[in-house]
Amino acid sequence: MLKVTKTTEYGLIAMRHINGQNNKLCSSKTIATQYHIPIEIMAKTMQKLCKKGYLRAIKGPKGGYFLNKNLNSIHLVDFIEDIEGPFGIVECSVDTNCNLLDFCNIRRPINKINKNIREILNKISLYEITN
């Protein structure tokens, strides 16, 4: 099964929640509680989103997170790769250290599938997912 990780899923949930708050600060605890996500995992996800520049944080008792980028300018494939690393449906799509590389008879068709999925994800903006 091809699927995104929980970190990406939680990141998208957080981005959508924050996008809907009309520039109000949002805490990771509030988001975690509302969507039944472990608070510690949401806090780490939000920190990662800050580190990657998607969010900004205001510290303090009345602090929280807000969007730091225009969501129309972010492609879904870029967001996934910022969170997860290089996108590929099989290891050899992103890493050439496979022992079977010289003998593999499915590498070309798999890479074609991978390219098509990337193209589709590149056509979807984060705004479309979070609005």
Protein backbone atom coordinates (compact mmCIF):
# COMPACT_ATOMS: atom_id res chain seq x y z
CA MET A 1 0.00 0.00 0.00
CA LEU A 2 1.29 3.41 -0.96
CA LYS A 3 0.60 5.95 1.77
CA VAL A 4 2.03 8.97 3.51
CA THR A 5 3.38 8.67 7.03
CA LYS A 6 1.60 9.87 10.15
CA THR A 7 4.01 12.81 10.36
CA THR A 8 2.89 14.07 6.94
CA GLU A 9 -0.74 13.34 7.75
CA TYR A 10 -0.54 15.23 11.05
CA GLY A 11 1.33 18.06 9.33
CA LEU A 12 -1.46 18.41 6.78
CA ILE A 13 -4.09 18.32 9.53
CA ALA A 14 -2.23 21.07 11.40
CA MET A 15 -1.78 23.21 8.30
CA ARG A 16 -5.48 22.91 7.42
CA HIS A 17 -6.53 23.75 10.98
CA ILE A 18 -4.26 26.79 11.18
CA ASN A 19 -5.30 27.97 7.72
CA GLY A 20 -8.93 28.03 8.89
CA GLN A 21 -8.24 30.17 11.97
CA ASN A 22 -8.14 33.59 10.25
CA ASN A 23 -4.66 34.54 11.49
CA LYS A 24 -5.33 33.51 15.11
CA LEU A 25 -2.52 31.70 16.88
CA CYS A 26 -3.03 27.97 17.36
CA SER A 27 -1.40 25.74 19.95
CA SER A 28 -0.22 22.23 19.19
CA LYS A 29 -2.19 21.03 22.22
CA THR A 30 -5.45 22.48 20.86
CA ILE A 31 -4.92 20.84 17.47
CA ALA A 32 -3.87 17.53 19.02
CA THR A 33 -6.90 17.46 21.29
CA GLN A 34 -9.39 18.40 18.58
CA TYR A 35 -8.14 15.72 16.16
CA HIS A 36 -7.31 13.02 18.75
CA ILE A 37 -3.58 13.04 18.02
CA PRO A 38 -1.02 12.44 20.79
CA ILE A 39 0.07 15.87 22.05
CA GLU A 40 3.80 15.04 22.02
CA ILE A 41 3.68 13.86 18.40
CA MET A 42 1.75 16.96 17.30
CA ALA A 43 4.24 19.20 19.11
CA LYS A 44 7.15 17.52 17.30
CA THR A 45 5.32 17.79 13.99
CA MET A 46 4.70 21.51 14.53
CA GLN A 47 8.38 22.02 15.42
CA LYS A 48 9.36 20.29 12.18
CA LEU A 49 6.96 22.51 10.21
CA CYS A 50 8.58 25.56 11.83
CA LYS A 51 12.07 24.30 11.02
CA LYS A 52 11.04 23.82 7.38
CA GLY A 53 9.56 27.34 7.29
CA TYR A 54 5.89 26.43 6.88
CA LEU A 55 4.92 27.81 10.29
CA ARG A 56 6.20 30.43 12.69
CA ALA A 57 5.95 30.12 16.45
CA ILE A 58 5.29 32.73 19.09
CA LYS A 59 6.49 31.59 22.51
CA GLY A 60 4.81 32.33 25.79
CA PRO A 61 1.51 31.67 27.56
CA LYS A 62 -0.49 33.32 24.79
CA GLY A 63 1.73 32.01 22.02
CA GLY A 64 1.07 29.54 19.29
CA TYR A 65 1.67 28.88 15.62
CA PHE A 66 0.70 30.70 12.44
CA LEU A 67 1.29 30.17 8.72
CA ASN A 68 4.57 31.47 7.38
CA LYS A 69 4.12 30.73 3.67
CA ASN A 70 1.57 31.28 0.94
CA LEU A 71 -0.08 27.88 0.58
CA ASN A 72 -0.78 28.43 -3.13
CA SER A 73 2.94 28.45 -3.82
CA ILE A 74 3.64 25.10 -2.12
CA HIS A 75 3.21 21.92 -4.12
CA LEU A 76 2.10 18.80 -2.26
CA VAL A 77 5.13 16.82 -3.49
CA ASP A 78 7.46 19.47 -2.01
CA PHE A 79 5.65 19.38 1.33
CA ILE A 80 5.84 15.58 1.47
CA GLU A 81 9.54 15.60 0.58
CA ASP A 82 10.29 18.30 3.15
CA ILE A 83 8.71 16.12 5.83
CA GLU A 84 9.70 12.63 4.63
CA GLY A 85 12.68 13.04 2.35
CA PRO A 86 12.86 12.06 -1.33
CA PHE A 87 9.65 10.63 -2.76
CA GLY A 88 9.74 7.17 -4.32
CA ILE A 89 7.43 4.18 -4.36
CA VAL A 90 10.42 1.83 -4.22
CA GLU A 91 13.83 2.30 -2.67
CA CYS A 92 15.74 2.43 -5.96
CA SER A 93 13.65 5.45 -7.02
CA VAL A 94 15.57 7.54 -4.49
CA ASP A 95 18.64 5.47 -3.65
CA THR A 96 20.99 3.74 -6.09
CA ASN A 97 22.51 1.41 -3.47
CA CYS A 98 20.18 -1.47 -4.32
CA ASN A 99 21.94 -4.81 -4.82
CA LEU A 100 19.53 -5.72 -7.62
CA LEU A 101 19.95 -2.53 -9.62
CA ASP A 102 22.00 -4.13 -12.40
CA PHE A 103 19.59 -7.06 -12.72
CA CYS A 104 16.22 -5.45 -12.05
CA ASN A 105 13.66 -5.92 -14.81
CA ILE A 106 11.00 -3.62 -13.30
CA ARG A 107 13.10 -0.53 -12.59
CA ARG A 108 12.10 1.38 -15.75
CA PRO A 109 8.31 0.82 -15.43
CA ILE A 110 8.39 1.52 -11.68
CA ASN A 111 10.31 4.75 -12.28
CA LYS A 112 7.72 5.73 -14.88
CA ILE A 113 4.95 5.19 -12.31
CA ASN A 114 6.96 7.15 -9.74
CA LYS A 115 7.41 10.03 -12.22
CA ASN A 116 3.67 10.12 -12.96
CA ILE A 117 2.77 10.20 -9.26
CA ARG A 118 5.27 13.02 -8.67
CA GLU A 119 3.74 14.98 -11.57
CA ILE A 120 0.26 14.60 -10.10
CA LEU A 121 1.41 15.65 -6.61
CA ASN A 122 3.25 18.59 -8.18
CA LYS A 123 -0.03 19.86 -9.65
CA ILE A 124 -1.74 20.00 -6.24
CA SER A 125 -1.06 23.02 -4.05
CA LEU A 126 -1.10 22.87 -0.28
CA TYR A 127 -3.91 25.43 -0.46
CA GLU A 128 -6.12 22.87 -2.23
CA ILE A 129 -5.54 20.39 0.60
CA THR A 130 -5.92 22.87 3.45
CA ASN A 131 -8.81 25.00 2.28
